Amino acid sequence: PSLVGAAATFPKLNSRKHQVSTLEEQLMGCVRVWLQGQPPAFNSPQMVDLITYLTSLSKGSVMGKQF
């Protein structure tokens, strides 16, 4: 799936957990579950780089719009 515009959908409600999820939390969950890897720590240089990259892919996207 494309990641273009993905960052613009966060934060968003996680209906399963009944809480608001951030882009960082989603990224950590994806790495842990789908890639079966060790996600970078919050605020680590690697996490900042990944969030910056994902955010750059959302340039021009409407914030809060679900894709």
N, C-alpha and C. Protein backbone atom coordinates (compact mmCIF):
# COMPACT_ATOMS: atom_id res chain seq x y z
N PRO A 1 0.82 -1.20 0.00
CA PRO A 1 0.00 0.00 0.00
C PRO A 1 0.86 1.25 0.00
N SER A 2 0.33 2.30 -0.55
CA SER A 2 1.04 3.57 -0.62
C SER A 2 1.02 4.28 0.73
N LEU A 3 2.11 4.93 1.06
CA LEU A 3 2.19 5.73 2.28
C LEU A 3 1.94 7.21 2.00
N VAL A 4 1.69 7.56 0.74
CA VAL A 4 1.42 8.94 0.38
C VAL A 4 0.15 9.39 1.10
N GLY A 5 0.25 10.45 1.87
CA GLY A 5 -0.88 11.00 2.60
C GLY A 5 -1.16 10.34 3.93
N ALA A 6 -0.44 9.27 4.27
CA ALA A 6 -0.73 8.53 5.50
C ALA A 6 -0.55 9.39 6.75
N ALA A 7 0.48 10.20 6.81
CA ALA A 7 0.74 11.01 8.00
C ALA A 7 -0.37 12.02 8.24
N ALA A 8 -1.05 12.43 7.19
CA ALA A 8 -2.12 13.43 7.32
C ALA A 8 -3.34 12.87 8.03
N THR A 9 -3.42 11.56 8.21
CA THR A 9 -4.57 10.95 8.87
C THR A 9 -4.40 10.86 10.38
N PHE A 10 -3.25 11.28 10.89
CA PHE A 10 -2.97 11.19 12.33
C PHE A 10 -2.92 12.56 12.95
N PRO A 11 -3.27 12.63 14.25
CA PRO A 11 -3.75 11.56 15.11
C PRO A 11 -5.16 11.14 14.71
N LYS A 12 -5.50 9.90 15.06
CA LYS A 12 -6.85 9.41 14.76
C LYS A 12 -7.31 8.44 15.83
N LEU A 13 -8.61 8.24 15.87
CA LEU A 13 -9.20 7.36 16.86
C LEU A 13 -8.94 5.90 16.50
N ASN A 14 -8.42 5.16 17.45
CA ASN A 14 -8.25 3.72 17.32
C ASN A 14 -9.47 3.10 18.00
N SER A 15 -10.42 2.66 17.21
CA SER A 15 -11.68 2.16 17.77
C SER A 15 -11.51 0.87 18.57
N ARG A 16 -10.52 0.07 18.24
CA ARG A 16 -10.28 -1.15 19.01
C ARG A 16 -9.80 -0.85 20.43
N LYS A 17 -8.94 0.15 20.55
CA LYS A 17 -8.38 0.51 21.86
C LYS A 17 -9.17 1.61 22.55
N HIS A 18 -10.10 2.23 21.82
CA HIS A 18 -10.89 3.35 22.35
C HIS A 18 -9.99 4.48 22.84
N GLN A 19 -8.99 4.81 22.02
CA GLN A 19 -8.09 5.91 22.33
C GLN A 19 -7.56 6.51 21.04
N VAL A 20 -6.97 7.67 21.18
CA VAL A 20 -6.38 8.34 20.03
C VAL A 20 -4.98 7.81 19.81
N SER A 21 -4.66 7.46 18.56
CA SER A 21 -3.34 6.94 18.21
C SER A 21 -2.55 8.00 17.45
N THR A 22 -1.27 8.07 17.75
CA THR A 22 -0.39 9.00 17.05
C THR A 22 0.33 8.26 15.91
N LEU A 23 0.92 9.03 15.04
CA LEU A 23 1.69 8.44 13.95
C LEU A 23 2.84 7.60 14.50
N GLU A 24 3.47 8.07 15.56
CA GLU A 24 4.58 7.34 16.16
C GLU A 24 4.12 5.98 16.69
N GLU A 25 2.97 5.96 17.37
CA GLU A 25 2.45 4.70 17.89
C GLU A 25 2.11 3.73 16.76
N GLN A 26 1.51 4.27 15.70
CA GLN A 26 1.15 3.42 14.56
C GLN A 26 2.41 2.84 13.91
N LEU A 27 3.41 3.66 13.75
CA LEU A 27 4.66 3.21 13.15
C LEU A 27 5.32 2.12 13.99
N MET A 28 5.33 2.32 15.30
CA MET A 28 5.92 1.32 16.20
C MET A 28 5.15 0.00 16.12
N GLY A 29 3.83 0.08 16.08
CA GLY A 29 3.02 -1.13 15.97
C GLY A 29 3.24 -1.85 14.66
N CYS A 30 3.35 -1.11 13.58
CA CYS A 30 3.57 -1.74 12.27
C CYS A 30 4.92 -2.46 12.22
N VAL A 31 5.95 -1.82 12.74
CA VAL A 31 7.28 -2.45 12.74
C VAL A 31 7.25 -3.71 13.61
N ARG A 32 6.63 -3.61 14.78
CA ARG A 32 6.61 -4.73 15.71
C ARG A 32 5.78 -5.90 15.17
N VAL A 33 4.56 -5.60 14.68
CA VAL A 33 3.63 -6.67 14.29
C VAL A 33 3.86 -7.14 12.86
N TRP A 34 3.81 -6.23 11.92
CA TRP A 34 3.85 -6.62 10.50
C TRP A 34 5.25 -6.95 10.01
N LEU A 35 6.24 -6.23 10.50
CA LEU A 35 7.61 -6.50 10.07
C LEU A 35 8.36 -7.41 11.05
N GLN A 36 7.73 -7.67 12.20
CA GLN A 36 8.31 -8.50 13.26
C GLN A 36 9.72 -8.04 13.62
N GLY A 37 9.84 -6.72 13.76
CA GLY A 37 11.13 -6.13 14.08
C GLY A 37 11.09 -5.34 15.36
N GLN A 38 12.19 -4.74 15.68
CA GLN A 38 12.32 -3.90 16.87
C GLN A 38 12.13 -2.45 16.43
N PRO A 39 11.04 -1.80 16.82
CA PRO A 39 10.80 -0.42 16.39
C PRO A 39 11.77 0.55 17.08
N PRO A 40 12.03 1.66 16.44
CA PRO A 40 12.87 2.67 17.08
C PRO A 40 12.15 3.27 18.28
N ALA A 41 12.89 3.74 19.25
CA ALA A 41 12.32 4.35 20.45
C ALA A 41 11.71 5.71 20.10
N PHE A 42 10.70 6.11 20.89
CA PHE A 42 10.13 7.44 20.73
C PHE A 42 11.24 8.49 20.84
N ASN A 43 11.17 9.48 20.01
CA ASN A 43 12.11 10.61 20.00
C ASN A 43 13.55 10.23 19.66
N SER A 44 13.78 8.99 19.24
CA SER A 44 15.13 8.61 18.81
C SER A 44 15.39 9.25 17.45
N PRO A 45 16.65 9.41 17.06
CA PRO A 45 16.94 9.97 15.74
C PRO A 45 16.30 9.16 14.61
N GLN A 46 16.23 7.85 14.77
CA GLN A 46 15.63 6.99 13.74
C GLN A 46 14.12 7.25 13.62
N MET A 47 13.44 7.41 14.77
CA MET A 47 12.01 7.69 14.75
C MET A 47 11.75 9.06 14.14
N VAL A 48 12.55 10.04 14.50
CA VAL A 48 12.39 11.38 13.93
C VAL A 48 12.58 11.33 12.41
N ASP A 49 13.56 10.58 11.95
CA ASP A 49 13.79 10.44 10.51
C ASP A 49 12.60 9.79 9.81
N LEU A 50 12.07 8.72 10.40
CA LEU A 50 10.92 8.04 9.79
C LEU A 50 9.68 8.93 9.76
N ILE A 51 9.41 9.62 10.85
CA ILE A 51 8.26 10.52 10.91
C ILE A 51 8.43 11.67 9.92
N THR A 52 9.64 12.20 9.81
CA THR A 52 9.90 13.26 8.85
C THR A 52 9.66 12.78 7.43
N TYR A 53 10.11 11.58 7.12
CA TYR A 53 9.91 11.02 5.79
C TYR A 53 8.42 10.81 5.50
N LEU A 54 7.72 10.17 6.42
CA LEU A 54 6.29 9.94 6.22
C LEU A 54 5.52 11.24 6.09
N THR A 55 5.89 12.23 6.88
CA THR A 55 5.24 13.54 6.80
C THR A 55 5.50 14.20 5.46
N SER A 56 6.71 14.03 4.93
CA SER A 56 7.02 14.62 3.62
C SER A 56 6.17 14.00 2.51
N LEU A 57 5.78 12.74 2.68
CA LEU A 57 4.93 12.09 1.69
C LEU A 57 3.49 12.60 1.75
N SER A 58 3.16 13.34 2.81
CA SER A 58 1.80 13.88 2.97
C SER A 58 1.71 15.36 2.58
N LYS A 59 2.80 15.91 2.09
CA LYS A 59 2.78 17.32 1.71
C LYS A 59 1.66 17.56 0.70
N GLY A 60 0.80 18.51 1.02
CA GLY A 60 -0.31 18.85 0.14
C GLY A 60 -1.58 18.07 0.44
N SER A 61 -1.50 17.09 1.33
CA SER A 61 -2.69 16.31 1.70
C SER A 61 -3.53 17.09 2.71
N VAL A 62 -4.81 16.81 2.74
CA VAL A 62 -5.70 17.45 3.68
C VAL A 62 -5.57 16.74 5.02
N MET A 63 -5.25 17.51 6.08
CA MET A 63 -5.10 16.93 7.39
C MET A 63 -6.42 16.37 7.90
N GLY A 64 -6.37 15.20 8.51
CA GLY A 64 -7.54 14.59 9.11
C GLY A 64 -8.43 13.84 8.15
N LYS A 65 -8.16 13.90 6.87
CA LYS A 65 -8.96 13.18 5.90
C LYS A 65 -8.50 11.73 5.85
N GLN A 66 -9.44 10.82 5.99
CA GLN A 66 -9.12 9.39 5.96
C GLN A 66 -9.01 8.95 4.50
N PHE A 67 -7.92 8.28 4.16
CA PHE A 67 -7.69 7.87 2.77
C PHE A 67 -8.15 6.45 2.56
